[in-house]
Amino acid sequence: MNDPSETPFESIEGAQEYLKLLAAAVLEARQEVEADVSAHSPSEFQRRLEALRLVLYKLEQLEKHVKTSHRLLNDLRSLRRLLLDERSIRVRRSANEAGADVDVHEMDGV
């Protein structure tokens, strides 16, 4: 991301980097909330404790979605590489066939 106008989502690798940072932030937030939940006794601030547990649940869901998204991006990157390699092989094959035609024509002209 050297170009300042480039956004994190202009490439698969940029999106992966963004998800990596997001996963780290979610993990940190989850650990903080877990510490808050364990610091509260069940009798005090019951409503706050329930809210913290709900936050923890939502953070766990978000963490799973981020991991799934990261795997999907890995799959897309692999497929892109496969498609680009196939394309370069096809181009090389076409160039080789064109080169073979030139050789045949050159031999015919001799």
N, C-alpha and C. Protein backbone atom coordinates (compact mmCIF):
# COMPACT_ATOMS: atom_id res chain seq x y z
N MET A 1 0.83 -1.17 0.00
CA MET A 1 0.00 0.00 0.00
C MET A 1 0.89 1.25 0.00
N ASN A 2 1.71 1.40 -1.00
CA ASN A 2 2.59 2.54 -1.11
C ASN A 2 1.87 3.78 -1.60
N ASP A 3 0.88 3.61 -2.45
CA ASP A 3 0.12 4.72 -2.99
C ASP A 3 -0.86 5.22 -1.94
N PRO A 4 -0.81 6.52 -1.57
CA PRO A 4 -1.71 7.02 -0.53
C PRO A 4 -3.19 6.94 -0.91
N SER A 5 -3.50 6.93 -2.20
CA SER A 5 -4.90 6.85 -2.61
C SER A 5 -5.42 5.41 -2.59
N GLU A 6 -4.52 4.45 -2.40
CA GLU A 6 -4.91 3.04 -2.37
C GLU A 6 -5.60 2.73 -1.04
N THR A 7 -6.72 2.04 -1.12
CA THR A 7 -7.45 1.66 0.09
C THR A 7 -7.05 0.26 0.49
N PRO A 8 -7.35 -0.14 1.73
CA PRO A 8 -6.96 -1.49 2.17
C PRO A 8 -7.63 -2.61 1.38
N PHE A 9 -8.70 -2.29 0.64
CA PHE A 9 -9.44 -3.32 -0.04
C PHE A 9 -9.20 -3.36 -1.55
N GLU A 10 -8.17 -2.68 -2.02
CA GLU A 10 -7.89 -2.70 -3.44
C GLU A 10 -7.19 -3.98 -3.87
N SER A 11 -6.75 -4.76 -2.90
CA SER A 11 -6.13 -6.05 -3.22
C SER A 11 -6.52 -7.05 -2.14
N ILE A 12 -6.40 -8.30 -2.48
CA ILE A 12 -6.69 -9.36 -1.51
C ILE A 12 -5.71 -9.26 -0.35
N GLU A 13 -4.45 -8.98 -0.66
CA GLU A 13 -3.44 -8.89 0.40
C GLU A 13 -3.74 -7.72 1.34
N GLY A 14 -4.24 -6.61 0.81
CA GLY A 14 -4.62 -5.48 1.64
C GLY A 14 -5.77 -5.82 2.57
N ALA A 15 -6.74 -6.53 2.03
CA ALA A 15 -7.88 -6.95 2.85
C ALA A 15 -7.44 -7.94 3.92
N GLN A 16 -6.50 -8.82 3.58
CA GLN A 16 -5.98 -9.76 4.56
C GLN A 16 -5.26 -9.03 5.69
N GLU A 17 -4.50 -8.02 5.36
CA GLU A 17 -3.79 -7.24 6.38
C GLU A 17 -4.79 -6.54 7.29
N TYR A 18 -5.84 -5.98 6.70
CA TYR A 18 -6.89 -5.34 7.49
C TYR A 18 -7.54 -6.35 8.45
N LEU A 19 -7.87 -7.53 7.94
CA LEU A 19 -8.49 -8.54 8.79
C LEU A 19 -7.55 -9.00 9.90
N LYS A 20 -6.26 -9.04 9.60
CA LYS A 20 -5.27 -9.42 10.62
C LYS A 20 -5.28 -8.39 11.77
N LEU A 21 -5.32 -7.10 11.41
CA LEU A 21 -5.37 -6.05 12.43
C LEU A 21 -6.70 -6.10 13.19
N LEU A 22 -7.78 -6.34 12.47
CA LEU A 22 -9.09 -6.44 13.11
C LEU A 22 -9.13 -7.62 14.08
N ALA A 23 -8.58 -8.76 13.68
CA ALA A 23 -8.56 -9.93 14.55
C ALA A 23 -7.77 -9.65 15.83
N ALA A 24 -6.67 -8.94 15.71
CA ALA A 24 -5.87 -8.59 16.89
C ALA A 24 -6.66 -7.67 17.82
N ALA A 25 -7.38 -6.71 17.26
CA ALA A 25 -8.18 -5.78 18.07
C ALA A 25 -9.33 -6.51 18.75
N VAL A 26 -9.97 -7.43 18.04
CA VAL A 26 -11.08 -8.20 18.61
C VAL A 26 -10.57 -9.08 19.74
N LEU A 27 -9.43 -9.72 19.55
CA LEU A 27 -8.85 -10.57 20.59
C LEU A 27 -8.54 -9.75 21.83
N GLU A 28 -7.95 -8.59 21.65
CA GLU A 28 -7.62 -7.73 22.79
C GLU A 28 -8.88 -7.30 23.54
N ALA A 29 -9.91 -6.91 22.78
CA ALA A 29 -11.17 -6.49 23.40
C ALA A 29 -11.81 -7.66 24.14
N ARG A 30 -11.77 -8.83 23.55
CA ARG A 30 -12.37 -10.01 24.19
C ARG A 30 -11.66 -10.33 25.50
N GLN A 31 -10.34 -10.24 25.51
CA GLN A 31 -9.58 -10.52 26.73
C GLN A 31 -9.91 -9.50 27.83
N GLU A 32 -10.08 -8.23 27.44
CA GLU A 32 -10.45 -7.21 28.42
C GLU A 32 -11.83 -7.46 29.00
N VAL A 33 -12.78 -7.84 28.15
CA VAL A 33 -14.14 -8.11 28.62
C VAL A 33 -14.15 -9.35 29.50
N GLU A 34 -13.39 -10.39 29.13
CA GLU A 34 -13.30 -11.58 29.97
C GLU A 34 -12.77 -11.23 31.36
N ALA A 35 -11.79 -10.33 31.42
CA ALA A 35 -11.25 -9.90 32.71
C ALA A 35 -12.31 -9.15 33.50
N ASP A 36 -13.10 -8.32 32.82
CA ASP A 36 -14.18 -7.60 33.50
C ASP A 36 -15.23 -8.56 34.04
N VAL A 37 -15.58 -9.57 33.26
CA VAL A 37 -16.60 -10.54 33.68
C VAL A 37 -16.11 -11.30 34.90
N SER A 38 -14.85 -11.73 34.87
CA SER A 38 -14.34 -12.51 36.00
C SER A 38 -14.14 -11.65 37.25
N ALA A 39 -14.00 -10.33 37.09
CA ALA A 39 -13.81 -9.43 38.23
C ALA A 39 -15.12 -9.13 38.95
N HIS A 40 -16.25 -9.31 38.28
CA HIS A 40 -17.55 -9.02 38.89
C HIS A 40 -18.05 -10.23 39.65
N SER A 41 -18.61 -9.98 40.81
CA SER A 41 -19.29 -11.06 41.53
C SER A 41 -20.72 -11.12 41.02
N PRO A 42 -21.30 -12.31 40.98
CA PRO A 42 -22.65 -12.46 40.42
C PRO A 42 -23.72 -11.61 41.12
N SER A 43 -23.51 -11.29 42.39
CA SER A 43 -24.55 -10.57 43.12
C SER A 43 -24.54 -9.07 42.81
N GLU A 44 -23.37 -8.50 42.52
CA GLU A 44 -23.31 -7.06 42.29
C GLU A 44 -23.49 -6.73 40.80
N PHE A 45 -24.23 -5.70 40.53
CA PHE A 45 -24.42 -5.19 39.17
C PHE A 45 -24.80 -6.31 38.18
N GLN A 46 -25.84 -7.04 38.51
CA GLN A 46 -26.27 -8.17 37.68
C GLN A 46 -26.54 -7.74 36.24
N ARG A 47 -27.15 -6.60 36.07
CA ARG A 47 -27.47 -6.12 34.73
C ARG A 47 -26.20 -5.83 33.94
N ARG A 48 -25.21 -5.23 34.58
CA ARG A 48 -23.93 -4.94 33.93
C ARG A 48 -23.23 -6.24 33.56
N LEU A 49 -23.27 -7.22 34.44
CA LEU A 49 -22.64 -8.51 34.18
C LEU A 49 -23.29 -9.20 32.98
N GLU A 50 -24.60 -9.15 32.88
CA GLU A 50 -25.30 -9.72 31.73
C GLU A 50 -24.91 -9.00 30.44
N ALA A 51 -24.79 -7.68 30.53
CA ALA A 51 -24.38 -6.90 29.35
C ALA A 51 -22.95 -7.28 28.94
N LEU A 52 -22.06 -7.45 29.89
CA LEU A 52 -20.68 -7.85 29.58
C LEU A 52 -20.64 -9.23 28.94
N ARG A 53 -21.48 -10.13 29.43
CA ARG A 53 -21.53 -11.47 28.83
C ARG A 53 -22.06 -11.41 27.40
N LEU A 54 -23.01 -10.54 27.16
CA LEU A 54 -23.52 -10.36 25.80
C LEU A 54 -22.44 -9.78 24.89
N VAL A 55 -21.69 -8.81 25.39
CA VAL A 55 -20.57 -8.24 24.63
C VAL A 55 -19.56 -9.32 24.31
N LEU A 56 -19.25 -10.15 25.29
CA LEU A 56 -18.29 -11.24 25.09
C LEU A 56 -18.79 -12.21 24.02
N TYR A 57 -20.05 -12.54 24.05
CA TYR A 57 -20.63 -13.44 23.05
C TYR A 57 -20.52 -12.82 21.65
N LYS A 58 -20.85 -11.54 21.53
CA LYS A 58 -20.79 -10.86 20.23
C LYS A 58 -19.35 -10.77 19.73
N LEU A 59 -18.40 -10.53 20.62
CA LEU A 59 -16.99 -10.50 20.23
C LEU A 59 -16.52 -11.86 19.74
N GLU A 60 -16.99 -12.92 20.40
CA GLU A 60 -16.63 -14.28 19.96
C GLU A 60 -17.21 -14.56 18.57
N GLN A 61 -18.44 -14.12 18.34
CA GLN A 61 -19.03 -14.27 17.01
C GLN A 61 -18.23 -13.51 15.96
N LEU A 62 -17.87 -12.28 16.28
CA LEU A 62 -17.08 -11.46 15.36
C LEU A 62 -15.74 -12.12 15.08
N GLU A 63 -15.12 -12.67 16.10
CA GLU A 63 -13.83 -13.35 15.94
C GLU A 63 -13.96 -14.53 14.96
N LYS A 64 -15.02 -15.29 15.08
CA LYS A 64 -15.26 -16.41 14.16
C LYS A 64 -15.47 -15.92 12.73
N HIS A 65 -16.22 -14.85 12.58
CA HIS A 65 -16.48 -14.31 11.23
C HIS A 65 -15.20 -13.77 10.60
N VAL A 66 -14.36 -13.14 11.39
CA VAL A 66 -13.09 -12.62 10.87
C VAL A 66 -12.20 -13.77 10.42
N LYS A 67 -12.14 -14.84 11.22
CA LYS A 67 -11.33 -16.00 10.84
C LYS A 67 -11.86 -16.64 9.55
N THR A 68 -13.18 -16.74 9.45
CA THR A 68 -13.79 -17.30 8.24
C THR A 68 -13.47 -16.42 7.04
N SER A 69 -13.58 -15.12 7.21
CA SER A 69 -13.28 -14.19 6.12
C SER A 69 -11.82 -14.30 5.70
N HIS A 70 -10.93 -14.47 6.66
CA HIS A 70 -9.51 -14.62 6.35
C HIS A 70 -9.27 -15.88 5.51
N ARG A 71 -9.95 -16.97 5.88
CA ARG A 71 -9.82 -18.21 5.10
C ARG A 71 -10.38 -18.03 3.69
N LEU A 72 -11.49 -17.32 3.56
CA LEU A 72 -12.07 -17.06 2.24
C LEU A 72 -11.11 -16.24 1.38
N LEU A 73 -10.47 -15.26 1.98
CA LEU A 73 -9.49 -14.46 1.23
C LEU A 73 -8.29 -15.31 0.82
N ASN A 74 -7.87 -16.22 1.67
CA ASN A 74 -6.78 -17.14 1.30
C ASN A 74 -7.19 -17.98 0.09
N ASP A 75 -8.42 -18.46 0.10
CA ASP A 75 -8.92 -19.26 -1.03
C ASP A 75 -8.94 -18.42 -2.31
N LEU A 76 -9.42 -17.19 -2.19
CA LEU A 76 -9.47 -16.32 -3.37
C LEU A 76 -8.07 -16.01 -3.89
N ARG A 77 -7.14 -15.80 -2.99
CA ARG A 77 -5.76 -15.53 -3.42
C ARG A 77 -5.18 -16.75 -4.13
N SER A 78 -5.45 -17.93 -3.59
CA SER A 78 -4.96 -19.16 -4.23
C SER A 78 -5.59 -19.34 -5.61
N LEU A 79 -6.87 -19.08 -5.70
CA LEU A 79 -7.54 -19.20 -7.00
C LEU A 79 -7.02 -18.17 -8.00
N ARG A 80 -6.76 -16.96 -7.52
CA ARG A 80 -6.22 -15.94 -8.42
C ARG A 80 -4.86 -16.37 -8.94
N ARG A 81 -4.02 -16.90 -8.05
CA ARG A 81 -2.70 -17.37 -8.48
C ARG A 81 -2.82 -18.51 -9.48
N LEU A 82 -3.74 -19.42 -9.22
CA LEU A 82 -3.96 -20.54 -10.14
C LEU A 82 -4.40 -20.02 -11.50
N LEU A 83 -5.35 -19.11 -11.51
CA LEU A 83 -5.84 -18.57 -12.78
C LEU A 83 -4.77 -17.78 -13.51
N LEU A 84 -4.00 -17.00 -12.81
CA LEU A 84 -2.94 -16.22 -13.46
C LEU A 84 -1.84 -17.13 -13.98
N ASP A 85 -1.50 -18.18 -13.26
CA ASP A 85 -0.50 -19.14 -13.74
C ASP A 85 -1.00 -19.85 -14.97
N GLU A 86 -2.28 -20.25 -14.97
CA GLU A 86 -2.83 -20.91 -16.15
C GLU A 86 -2.79 -19.97 -17.35
N ARG A 87 -3.08 -18.70 -17.10
CA ARG A 87 -3.06 -17.73 -18.17
C ARG A 87 -1.65 -17.56 -18.71
N SER A 88 -0.66 -17.51 -17.82
CA SER A 88 0.71 -17.35 -18.29
C SER A 88 1.19 -18.59 -19.02
N ILE A 89 0.72 -19.78 -18.59
CA ILE A 89 1.08 -21.01 -19.30
C ILE A 89 0.46 -20.99 -20.69
N ARG A 90 -0.81 -20.54 -20.80
CA ARG A 90 -1.48 -20.46 -22.09
C ARG A 90 -0.76 -19.48 -23.01
N VAL A 91 -0.32 -18.37 -22.46
CA VAL A 91 0.40 -17.37 -23.26
C VAL A 91 1.72 -17.96 -23.74
N ARG A 92 2.43 -18.65 -22.84
CA ARG A 92 3.70 -19.28 -23.24
C ARG A 92 3.46 -20.33 -24.31
N ARG A 93 2.38 -21.12 -24.15
CA ARG A 93 2.08 -22.16 -25.12
C ARG A 93 1.76 -21.54 -26.48
N SER A 94 0.97 -20.45 -26.45
CA SER A 94 0.65 -19.75 -27.71
C SER A 94 1.91 -19.20 -28.35
N ALA A 95 2.79 -18.63 -27.53
CA ALA A 95 4.04 -18.09 -28.05
C ALA A 95 4.90 -19.19 -28.63
N ASN A 96 4.94 -20.35 -27.97
CA ASN A 96 5.72 -21.48 -28.47
C ASN A 96 5.14 -21.99 -29.79
N GLU A 97 3.79 -22.05 -29.86
CA GLU A 97 3.16 -22.50 -31.10
C GLU A 97 3.43 -21.50 -32.22
N ALA A 98 3.39 -20.23 -31.91
CA ALA A 98 3.68 -19.20 -32.92
C ALA A 98 5.13 -19.31 -33.35
N GLY A 99 6.01 -19.57 -32.39
CA GLY A 99 7.42 -19.76 -32.70
C GLY A 99 7.64 -20.98 -33.58
N ALA A 100 6.89 -22.05 -33.33
CA ALA A 100 7.00 -23.26 -34.13
C ALA A 100 6.51 -22.99 -35.55
N ASP A 101 5.41 -22.20 -35.67
CA ASP A 101 4.91 -21.85 -37.00
C ASP A 101 5.95 -21.05 -37.78
N VAL A 102 6.61 -20.14 -37.09
CA VAL A 102 7.63 -19.32 -37.74
C VAL A 102 8.76 -20.21 -38.23
N ASP A 103 9.17 -21.16 -37.40
CA ASP A 103 10.25 -22.06 -37.80
C ASP A 103 9.84 -22.87 -39.03
N VAL A 104 8.60 -23.36 -39.05
CA VAL A 104 8.13 -24.15 -40.19
C VAL A 104 8.11 -23.29 -41.43
N HIS A 105 7.61 -22.05 -41.32
CA HIS A 105 7.57 -21.16 -42.47
C HIS A 105 8.97 -20.81 -42.94
N GLU A 106 9.86 -20.61 -42.00
CA GLU A 106 11.23 -20.30 -42.38
C GLU A 106 11.85 -21.48 -43.10
N MET A 107 11.52 -22.69 -42.67
CA MET A 107 12.07 -23.89 -43.33
C MET A 107 11.48 -24.03 -44.71
N ASP A 108 10.19 -23.70 -44.88
CA ASP A 108 9.55 -23.80 -46.18
C ASP A 108 10.18 -22.81 -47.16
N GLY A 109 10.58 -21.64 -46.64
CA GLY A 109 11.15 -20.62 -47.50
C GLY A 109 12.57 -20.94 -47.92
N VAL A 110 13.23 -21.87 -47.28
CA VAL A 110 14.64 -22.18 -47.61
C VAL A 110 14.74 -23.10 -48.76
